[in-house]
Amino acid sequence: MKKLFSWLGGFFDANSSVSSKRLVGISGAGFLYWTLYSNSSSHSDFAPADSLVWGTVVLVCTSLGLATVKEIGDLVSGFKGTKKEEEPKAE
């Protein structure tokens, strides 16, 4: 249980390897999939607004895209040798 709280606390720490952008993107994609799947068999009167669906798609794509760009940027800077030294974490 302590590991779970430590992992969840990592989403709010700027120096953590756990990415809050990735959490927002994955959870948003899950909710979007669930909403579209559950509304696929209902009447069109109960369908979500197109602007809401596209807003969620933009949020998910932006979140996952930013997380990917950051990872690639860290990887490239590591190859160039310009990556900053990380401070050891206190436990």
PDB file of N, CA and C in Angstrom:
ATOM      1  N   MET A   1       0.825  -1.182   0.000  1.00  0.00           N
ATOM      2  CA  MET A   1       0.000   0.000   0.000  1.00  0.00           C
ATOM      3  C   MET A   1       0.877   1.257   0.000  1.00  0.00           C
ATOM      4  N   LYS A   2       1.993   1.184   0.696  1.00  0.00           N
ATOM      5  CA  LYS A   2       2.904   2.322   0.754  1.00  0.00           C
ATOM      6  C   LYS A   2       3.495   2.612  -0.625  1.00  0.00           C
ATOM      7  N   LYS A   3       3.783   1.544  -1.391  1.00  0.00           N
ATOM      8  CA  LYS A   3       4.301   1.720  -2.746  1.00  0.00           C
ATOM      9  C   LYS A   3       3.284   2.412  -3.642  1.00  0.00           C
ATOM     10  N   LEU A   4       2.004   2.050  -3.479  1.00  0.00           N
ATOM     11  CA  LEU A   4       0.952   2.654  -4.285  1.00  0.00           C
ATOM     12  C   LEU A   4       0.842   4.147  -4.005  1.00  0.00           C
ATOM     13  N   PHE A   5       0.854   4.537  -2.742  1.00  0.00           N
ATOM     14  CA  PHE A   5       0.774   5.954  -2.398  1.00  0.00           C
ATOM     15  C   PHE A   5       2.017   6.700  -2.861  1.00  0.00           C
ATOM     16  N   SER A   6       3.160   6.064  -2.790  1.00  0.00           N
ATOM     17  CA  SER A   6       4.391   6.682  -3.280  1.00  0.00           C
ATOM     18  C   SER A   6       4.330   6.894  -4.787  1.00  0.00           C
ATOM     19  N   TRP A   7       3.790   5.905  -5.502  1.00  0.00           N
ATOM     20  CA  TRP A   7       3.665   6.007  -6.950  1.00  0.00           C
ATOM     21  C   TRP A   7       2.667   7.102  -7.327  1.00  0.00           C
ATOM     22  N   LEU A   8       1.523   7.146  -6.635  1.00  0.00           N
ATOM     23  CA  LEU A   8       0.541   8.186  -6.904  1.00  0.00           C
ATOM     24  C   LEU A   8       1.068   9.567  -6.540  1.00  0.00           C
ATOM     25  N   GLY A   9       1.869   9.660  -5.495  1.00  0.00           N
ATOM     26  CA  GLY A   9       2.475  10.934  -5.120  1.00  0.00           C
ATOM     27  C   GLY A   9       3.477  11.421  -6.145  1.00  0.00           C
ATOM     28  N   GLY A  10       4.036  10.506  -6.937  1.00  0.00           N
ATOM     29  CA  GLY A  10       4.986  10.879  -7.974  1.00  0.00           C
ATOM     30  C   GLY A  10       4.379  11.717  -9.078  1.00  0.00           C
ATOM     31  N   PHE A  11       3.057  11.655  -9.259  1.00  0.00           N
ATOM     32  CA  PHE A  11       2.400  12.457 -10.290  1.00  0.00           C
ATOM     33  C   PHE A  11       2.446  13.947  -9.948  1.00  0.00           C
ATOM     34  N   PHE A  12       2.633  14.279  -8.684  1.00  0.00           N
ATOM     35  CA  PHE A  12       2.631  15.668  -8.265  1.00  0.00           C
ATOM     36  C   PHE A  12       4.032  16.193  -7.976  1.00  0.00           C
ATOM     37  N   ASP A  13       5.056  15.396  -8.245  1.00  0.00           N
ATOM     38  CA  ASP A  13       6.439  15.789  -8.017  1.00  0.00           C
ATOM     39  C   ASP A  13       7.088  16.104  -9.358  1.00  0.00           C
ATOM     40  N   ALA A  14       7.720  17.268  -9.452  1.00  0.00           N
ATOM     41  CA  ALA A  14       8.311  17.690 -10.728  1.00  0.00           C
ATOM     42  C   ALA A  14       9.525  16.845 -11.109  1.00  0.00           C
ATOM     43  N   ASN A  15      10.207  16.261 -10.143  1.00  0.00           N
ATOM     44  CA  ASN A  15      11.425  15.499 -10.421  1.00  0.00           C
ATOM     45  C   ASN A  15      11.180  13.999 -10.517  1.00  0.00           C
ATOM     46  N   SER A  16       9.935  13.589 -10.563  1.00  0.00           N
ATOM     47  CA  SER A  16       9.593  12.173 -10.596  1.00  0.00           C
ATOM     48  C   SER A  16       9.624  11.647 -12.023  1.00  0.00           C
ATOM     49  N   SER A  17       9.863  10.349 -12.158  1.00  0.00           N
ATOM     50  CA  SER A  17       9.833   9.727 -13.477  1.00  0.00           C
ATOM     51  C   SER A  17       8.412   9.415 -13.914  1.00  0.00           C
ATOM     52  N   VAL A  18       7.459   9.532 -13.013  1.00  0.00           N
ATOM     53  CA  VAL A  18       6.055   9.292 -13.319  1.00  0.00           C
ATOM     54  C   VAL A  18       5.477  10.579 -13.914  1.00  0.00           C
ATOM     55  N   SER A  19       4.831  10.488 -15.063  1.00  0.00           N
ATOM     56  CA  SER A  19       4.356  11.665 -15.780  1.00  0.00           C
ATOM     57  C   SER A  19       2.863  11.882 -15.566  1.00  0.00           C
ATOM     58  N   SER A  20       2.497  13.073 -15.097  1.00  0.00           N
ATOM     59  CA  SER A  20       1.081  13.385 -14.942  1.00  0.00           C
ATOM     60  C   SER A  20       0.424  13.584 -16.302  1.00  0.00           C
ATOM     61  N   LYS A  21       1.191  14.015 -17.298  1.00  0.00           N
ATOM     62  CA  LYS A  21       0.643  14.156 -18.652  1.00  0.00           C
ATOM     63  C   LYS A  21       0.212  12.797 -19.189  1.00  0.00           C
ATOM     64  N   ARG A  22       1.007  11.792 -18.911  1.00  0.00           N
ATOM     65  CA  ARG A  22       0.660  10.444 -19.354  1.00  0.00           C
ATOM     66  C   ARG A  22      -0.590   9.941 -18.639  1.00  0.00           C
ATOM     67  N   LEU A  23      -0.711  10.239 -17.359  1.00  0.00           N
ATOM     68  CA  LEU A  23      -1.900   9.839 -16.598  1.00  0.00           C
ATOM     69  C   LEU A  23      -3.150  10.498 -17.166  1.00  0.00           C
ATOM     70  N   VAL A  24      -3.088  11.794 -17.448  1.00  0.00           N
ATOM     71  CA  VAL A  24      -4.235  12.507 -18.009  1.00  0.00           C
ATOM     72  C   VAL A  24      -4.587  11.947 -19.379  1.00  0.00           C
ATOM     73  N   GLY A  25      -3.587  11.686 -20.202  1.00  0.00           N
ATOM     74  CA  GLY A  25      -3.836  11.159 -21.540  1.00  0.00           C
ATOM     75  C   GLY A  25      -4.456   9.780 -21.534  1.00  0.00           C
ATOM     76  N   ILE A  26      -3.928   8.894 -20.722  1.00  0.00           N
ATOM     77  CA  ILE A  26      -4.437   7.522 -20.687  1.00  0.00           C
ATOM     78  C   ILE A  26      -5.826   7.461 -20.060  1.00  0.00           C
ATOM     79  N   SER A  27      -6.030   8.191 -18.957  1.00  0.00           N
ATOM     80  CA  SER A  27      -7.358   8.172 -18.339  1.00  0.00           C
ATOM     81  C   SER A  27      -8.379   8.858 -19.244  1.00  0.00           C
ATOM     82  N   GLY A  28      -7.995   9.931 -19.919  1.00  0.00           N
ATOM     83  CA  GLY A  28      -8.904  10.591 -20.855  1.00  0.00           C
ATOM     84  C   GLY A  28      -9.267   9.695 -22.024  1.00  0.00           C
ATOM     85  N   ALA A  29      -8.280   8.966 -22.539  1.00  0.00           N
ATOM     86  CA  ALA A  29      -8.551   8.030 -23.634  1.00  0.00           C
ATOM     87  C   ALA A  29      -9.495   6.921 -23.171  1.00  0.00           C
ATOM     88  N   GLY A  30      -9.314   6.450 -21.954  1.00  0.00           N
ATOM     89  CA  GLY A  30     -10.197   5.410 -21.421  1.00  0.00           C
ATOM     90  C   GLY A  30     -11.625   5.902 -21.277  1.00  0.00           C
ATOM     91  N   PHE A  31     -11.793   7.110 -20.728  1.00  0.00           N
ATOM     92  CA  PHE A  31     -13.139   7.664 -20.597  1.00  0.00           C
ATOM     93  C   PHE A  31     -13.767   7.951 -21.952  1.00  0.00           C
ATOM     94  N   LEU A  32     -12.974   8.428 -22.907  1.00  0.00           N
ATOM     95  CA  LEU A  32     -13.502   8.686 -24.241  1.00  0.00           C
ATOM     96  C   LEU A  32     -13.954   7.387 -24.906  1.00  0.00           C
ATOM     97  N   TYR A  33     -13.145   6.352 -24.787  1.00  0.00           N
ATOM     98  CA  TYR A  33     -13.513   5.053 -25.357  1.00  0.00           C
ATOM     99  C   TYR A  33     -14.794   4.529 -24.708  1.00  0.00           C
ATOM    100  N   TRP A  34     -14.872   4.607 -23.390  1.00  0.00           N
ATOM    101  CA  TRP A  34     -16.046   4.116 -22.676  1.00  0.00           C
ATOM    102  C   TRP A  34     -17.298   4.886 -23.092  1.00  0.00           C
ATOM    103  N   THR A  35     -17.190   6.222 -23.199  1.00  0.00           N
ATOM    104  CA  THR A  35     -18.341   7.041 -23.580  1.00  0.00           C
ATOM    105  C   THR A  35     -18.801   6.716 -24.987  1.00  0.00           C
ATOM    106  N   LEU A  36     -17.876   6.628 -25.924  1.00  0.00           N
ATOM    107  CA  LEU A  36     -18.263   6.352 -27.308  1.00  0.00           C
ATOM    108  C   LEU A  36     -18.822   4.934 -27.452  1.00  0.00           C
ATOM    109  N   TYR A  37     -18.255   3.982 -26.718  1.00  0.00           N
ATOM    110  CA  TYR A  37     -18.750   2.614 -26.781  1.00  0.00           C
ATOM    111  C   TYR A  37     -20.154   2.504 -26.184  1.00  0.00           C
ATOM    112  N   SER A  38     -20.373   3.132 -25.042  1.00  0.00           N
ATOM    113  CA  SER A  38     -21.675   3.029 -24.396  1.00  0.00           C
ATOM    114  C   SER A  38     -22.753   3.771 -25.184  1.00  0.00           C
ATOM    115  N   ASN A  39     -22.375   4.813 -25.909  1.00  0.00           N
ATOM    116  CA  ASN A  39     -23.359   5.557 -26.701  1.00  0.00           C
ATOM    117  C   ASN A  39     -23.537   4.993 -28.101  1.00  0.00           C
ATOM    118  N   SER A  40     -22.752   4.011 -28.489  1.00  0.00           N
ATOM    119  CA  SER A  40     -22.863   3.475 -29.845  1.00  0.00           C
ATOM    120  C   SER A  40     -24.151   2.679 -30.048  1.00  0.00           C
ATOM    121  N   SER A  41     -24.708   2.147 -28.984  1.00  0.00           N
ATOM    122  CA  SER A  41     -25.931   1.356 -29.126  1.00  0.00           C
ATOM    123  C   SER A  41     -27.178   2.113 -28.690  1.00  0.00           C
ATOM    124  N   SER A  42     -27.023   3.381 -28.318  1.00  0.00           N
ATOM    125  CA  SER A  42     -28.182   4.157 -27.879  1.00  0.00           C
ATOM    126  C   SER A  42     -28.683   5.055 -29.015  1.00  0.00           C
ATOM    127  N   HIS A  43     -29.789   5.714 -28.760  1.00  0.00           N
ATOM    128  CA  HIS A  43     -30.370   6.626 -29.745  1.00  0.00           C
ATOM    129  C   HIS A  43     -29.461   7.838 -29.922  1.00  0.00           C
ATOM    130  N   SER A  44     -29.599   8.497 -31.039  1.00  0.00           N
ATOM    131  CA  SER A  44     -28.754   9.665 -31.298  1.00  0.00           C
ATOM    132  C   SER A  44     -29.105  10.839 -30.384  1.00  0.00           C
ATOM    133  N   ASP A  45     -30.253  10.774 -29.730  1.00  0.00           N
ATOM    134  CA  ASP A  45     -30.626  11.845 -28.796  1.00  0.00           C
ATOM    135  C   ASP A  45     -29.725  11.851 -27.559  1.00  0.00           C
ATOM    136  N   PHE A  46     -29.148  10.700 -27.225  1.00  0.00           N
ATOM    137  CA  PHE A  46     -28.318  10.592 -26.027  1.00  0.00           C
ATOM    138  C   PHE A  46     -26.828  10.711 -26.327  1.00  0.00           C
ATOM    139  N   ALA A  47     -26.476  10.951 -27.560  1.00  0.00           N
ATOM    140  CA  ALA A  47     -25.065  11.033 -27.957  1.00  0.00           C
ATOM    141  C   ALA A  47     -24.431  12.302 -27.370  1.00  0.00           C
ATOM    142  N   PRO A  48     -23.148  12.233 -27.015  1.00  0.00           N
ATOM    143  CA  PRO A  48     -22.483  13.433 -26.509  1.00  0.00           C
ATOM    144  C   PRO A  48     -22.307  14.452 -27.635  1.00  0.00           C
ATOM    145  N   ALA A  49     -22.152  15.686 -27.268  1.00  0.00           N
ATOM    146  CA  ALA A  49     -21.959  16.752 -28.251  1.00  0.00           C
ATOM    147  C   ALA A  49     -20.640  16.535 -28.994  1.00  0.00           C
ATOM    148  N   ASP A  50     -20.624  16.870 -30.264  1.00  0.00           N
ATOM    149  CA  ASP A  50     -19.402  16.715 -31.061  1.00  0.00           C
ATOM    150  C   ASP A  50     -18.265  17.558 -30.507  1.00  0.00           C
ATOM    151  N   SER A  51     -18.586  18.757 -30.026  1.00  0.00           N
ATOM    152  CA  SER A  51     -17.538  19.624 -29.483  1.00  0.00           C
ATOM    153  C   SER A  51     -16.914  19.008 -28.230  1.00  0.00           C
ATOM    154  N   LEU A  52     -17.699  18.308 -27.425  1.00  0.00           N
ATOM    155  CA  LEU A  52     -17.166  17.646 -26.238  1.00  0.00           C
ATOM    156  C   LEU A  52     -16.250  16.496 -26.618  1.00  0.00           C
ATOM    157  N   VAL A  53     -16.652  15.714 -27.605  1.00  0.00           N
ATOM    158  CA  VAL A  53     -15.821  14.598 -28.052  1.00  0.00           C
ATOM    159  C   VAL A  53     -14.510  15.109 -28.633  1.00  0.00           C
ATOM    160  N   TRP A  54     -14.569  16.102 -29.503  1.00  0.00           N
ATOM    161  CA  TRP A  54     -13.343  16.621 -30.111  1.00  0.00           C
ATOM    162  C   TRP A  54     -12.461  17.343 -29.098  1.00  0.00           C
ATOM    163  N   GLY A  55     -13.070  17.996 -28.110  1.00  0.00           N
ATOM    164  CA  GLY A  55     -12.277  18.615 -27.046  1.00  0.00           C
ATOM    165  C   GLY A  55     -11.508  17.572 -26.243  1.00  0.00           C
ATOM    166  N   THR A  56     -12.156  16.441 -25.975  1.00  0.00           N
ATOM    167  CA  THR A  56     -11.493  15.354 -25.256  1.00  0.00           C
ATOM    168  C   THR A  56     -10.379  14.746 -26.101  1.00  0.00           C
ATOM    169  N   VAL A  57     -10.623  14.592 -27.394  1.00  0.00           N
ATOM    170  CA  VAL A  57      -9.595  14.051 -28.289  1.00  0.00           C
ATOM    171  C   VAL A  57      -8.376  14.967 -28.309  1.00  0.00           C
ATOM    172  N   VAL A  58      -8.598  16.262 -28.372  1.00  0.00           N
ATOM    173  CA  VAL A  58      -7.481  17.218 -28.375  1.00  0.00           C
ATOM    174  C   VAL A  58      -6.712  17.145 -27.061  1.00  0.00           C
ATOM    175  N   LEU A  59      -7.421  17.058 -25.938  1.00  0.00           N
ATOM    176  CA  LEU A  59      -6.765  16.966 -24.632  1.00  0.00           C
ATOM    177  C   LEU A  59      -5.916  15.698 -24.529  1.00  0.00           C
ATOM    178  N   VAL A  60      -6.471  14.567 -24.961  1.00  0.00           N
ATOM    179  CA  VAL A  60      -5.753  13.293 -24.889  1.00  0.00           C
ATOM    180  C   VAL A  60      -4.519  13.320 -25.790  1.00  0.00           C
ATOM    181  N   CYS A  61      -4.697  13.764 -27.024  1.00  0.00           N
ATOM    182  CA  CYS A  61      -3.569  13.794 -27.959  1.00  0.00           C
ATOM    183  C   CYS A  61      -2.483  14.760 -27.505  1.00  0.00           C
ATOM    184  N   THR A  62      -2.880  15.908 -26.973  1.00  0.00           N
ATOM    185  CA  THR A  62      -1.904  16.871 -26.481  1.00  0.00           C
ATOM    186  C   THR A  62      -1.147  16.315 -25.280  1.00  0.00           C
ATOM    187  N   SER A  63      -1.855  15.696 -24.353  1.00  0.00           N
ATOM    188  CA  SER A  63      -1.208  15.141 -23.160  1.00  0.00           C
ATOM    189  C   SER A  63      -0.203  14.055 -23.531  1.00  0.00           C
ATOM    190  N   LEU A  64      -0.636  13.116 -24.349  1.00  0.00           N
ATOM    191  CA  LEU A  64       0.266  12.029 -24.739  1.00  0.00           C
ATOM    192  C   LEU A  64       1.382  12.542 -25.637  1.00  0.00           C
ATOM    193  N   GLY A  65       1.082  13.517 -26.486  1.00  0.00           N
ATOM    194  CA  GLY A  65       2.109  14.085 -27.353  1.00  0.00           C
ATOM    195  C   GLY A  65       3.175  14.826 -26.568  1.00  0.00           C
ATOM    196  N   LEU A  66       2.783  15.599 -25.573  1.00  0.00           N
ATOM    197  CA  LEU A  66       3.755  16.316 -24.757  1.00  0.00           C
ATOM    198  C   LEU A  66       4.638  15.360 -23.960  1.00  0.00           C
ATOM    199  N   ALA A  67       4.048  14.296 -23.450  1.00  0.00           N
ATOM    200  CA  ALA A  67       4.836  13.305 -22.715  1.00  0.00           C
ATOM    201  C   ALA A  67       5.856  12.643 -23.647  1.00  0.00           C
ATOM    202  N   THR A  68       5.448  12.364 -24.880  1.00  0.00           N
ATOM    203  CA  THR A  68       6.353  11.735 -25.847  1.00  0.00           C
ATOM    204  C   THR A  68       7.463  12.688 -26.248  1.00  0.00           C
ATOM    205  N   VAL A  69       7.130  13.945 -26.507  1.00  0.00           N
ATOM    206  CA  VAL A  69       8.142  14.927 -26.898  1.00  0.00           C
ATOM    207  C   VAL A  69       9.161  15.112 -25.779  1.00  0.00           C
ATOM    208  N   LYS A  70       8.704  15.132 -24.538  1.00  0.00           N
ATOM    209  CA  LYS A  70       9.637  15.280 -23.408  1.00  0.00           C
ATOM    210  C   LYS A  70      10.571  14.083 -23.311  1.00  0.00           C
ATOM    211  N   GLU A  71      10.033  12.880 -23.476  1.00  0.00           N
ATOM    212  CA  GLU A  71      10.871  11.677 -23.417  1.00  0.00           C
ATOM    213  C   GLU A  71      11.910  11.669 -24.541  1.00  0.00           C
ATOM    214  N   ILE A  72      11.497  12.039 -25.751  1.00  0.00           N
ATOM    215  CA  ILE A  72      12.428  12.067 -26.882  1.00  0.00           C
ATOM    216  C   ILE A  72      13.471  13.155 -26.672  1.00  0.00           C
ATOM    217  N   GLY A  73      13.056  14.303 -26.149  1.00  0.00           N
ATOM    218  CA  GLY A  73      14.008  15.380 -25.864  1.00  0.00           C
ATOM    219  C   GLY A  73      15.039  14.969 -24.833  1.00  0.00           C
ATOM    220  N   ASP A  74      14.608  14.265 -23.791  1.00  0.00           N
ATOM    221  CA  ASP A  74      15.547  13.780 -22.781  1.00  0.00           C
ATOM    222  C   ASP A  74      16.498  12.740 -23.372  1.00  0.00           C
ATOM    223  N   LEU A  75      15.978  11.910 -24.262  1.00  0.00           N
ATOM    224  CA  LEU A  75      16.805  10.889 -24.897  1.00  0.00           C
ATOM    225  C   LEU A  75      17.861  11.521 -25.797  1.00  0.00           C
ATOM    226  N   VAL A  76      17.472  12.506 -26.593  1.00  0.00           N
ATOM    227  CA  VAL A  76      18.405  13.179 -27.498  1.00  0.00           C
ATOM    228  C   VAL A  76      19.456  13.946 -26.714  1.00  0.00           C
ATOM    229  N   SER A  77      19.042  14.658 -25.667  1.00  0.00           N
ATOM    230  CA  SER A  77      20.018  15.412 -24.874  1.00  0.00           C
ATOM    231  C   SER A  77      20.953  14.469 -24.122  1.00  0.00           C
ATOM    232  N   GLY A  78      20.483  13.265 -23.810  1.00  0.00           N
ATOM    233  CA  GLY A  78      21.359  12.277 -23.172  1.00  0.00           C
ATOM    234  C   GLY A  78      22.432  11.787 -24.132  1.00  0.00           C
ATOM    235  N   PHE A  79      22.089  11.647 -25.401  1.00  0.00           N
ATOM    236  CA  PHE A  79      23.071  11.243 -26.406  1.00  0.00           C
ATOM    237  C   PHE A  79      24.094  12.337 -26.662  1.00  0.00           C
ATOM    238  N   LYS A  80      23.659  13.588 -26.590  1.00  0.00           N
ATOM    239  CA  LYS A  80      24.573  14.709 -26.819  1.00  0.00           C
ATOM    240  C   LYS A  80      25.446  14.976 -25.600  1.00  0.00           C
ATOM    241  N   GLY A  81      25.088  14.430 -24.471  1.00  0.00           N
ATOM    242  CA  GLY A  81      25.863  14.642 -23.249  1.00  0.00           C
ATOM    243  C   GLY A  81      25.517  15.930 -22.545  1.00  0.00           C
ATOM    244  N   THR A  82      24.406  16.532 -22.879  1.00  0.00           N
ATOM    245  CA  THR A  82      24.011  17.791 -22.254  1.00  0.00           C
ATOM    246  C   THR A  82      22.951  17.591 -21.183  1.00  0.00           C
ATOM    247  N   LYS A  83      22.662  16.363 -20.835  1.00  0.00           N
ATOM    248  CA  LYS A  83      21.629  16.090 -19.837  1.00  0.00           C
ATOM    249  C   LYS A  83      22.148  16.517 -18.459  1.00  0.00           C
ATOM    250  N   LYS A  84      21.274  17.174 -17.710  1.00  0.00           N
ATOM    251  CA  LYS A  84      21.647  17.633 -16.379  1.00  0.00           C
ATOM    252  C   LYS A  84      21.797  16.453 -15.436  1.00  0.00           C
ATOM    253  N   GLU A  85      22.688  16.594 -14.495  1.00  0.00           N
ATOM    254  CA  GLU A  85      22.872  15.573 -13.465  1.00  0.00           C
ATOM    255  C   GLU A  85      21.667  15.620 -12.535  1.00  0.00           C
ATOM    256  N   GLU A  86      21.087  14.475 -12.298  1.00  0.00           N
ATOM    257  CA  GLU A  86      19.957  14.406 -11.377  1.00  0.00           C
ATOM    258  C   GLU A  86      20.462  14.269  -9.953  1.00  0.00           C
ATOM    259  N   GLU A  87      19.769  14.974  -9.077  1.00  0.00           N
ATOM    260  CA  GLU A  87      20.129  14.906  -7.663  1.00  0.00           C
ATOM    261  C   GLU A  87      19.625  13.592  -7.096  1.00  0.00           C
ATOM    262  N   PRO A  88      20.388  12.968  -6.200  1.00  0.00           N
ATOM    263  CA  PRO A  88      19.919  11.726  -5.580  1.00  0.00           C
ATOM    264  C   PRO A  88      18.685  12.003  -4.731  1.00  0.00           C
ATOM    265  N   LYS A  89      17.758  11.061  -4.798  1.00  0.00           N
ATOM    266  CA  LYS A  89      16.503  11.213  -4.044  1.00  0.00           C
ATOM    267  C   LYS A  89      16.702  10.753  -2.613  1.00  0.00           C
ATOM    268  N   ALA A  90      16.143  11.523  -1.706  1.00  0.00           N
ATOM    269  CA  ALA A  90      16.191  11.164  -0.288  1.00  0.00           C
ATOM    270  C   ALA A  90      15.064  10.176   0.003  1.00  0.00           C
ATOM    271  N   GLU A  91      15.354   9.148   0.706  1.00  0.00           N
ATOM    272  CA  GLU A  91      14.320   8.153   1.031  1.00  0.00           C
ATOM    273  C   GLU A  91      13.997   8.163   2.493  1.00  0.00           C
TER     274      GLU A  91
END
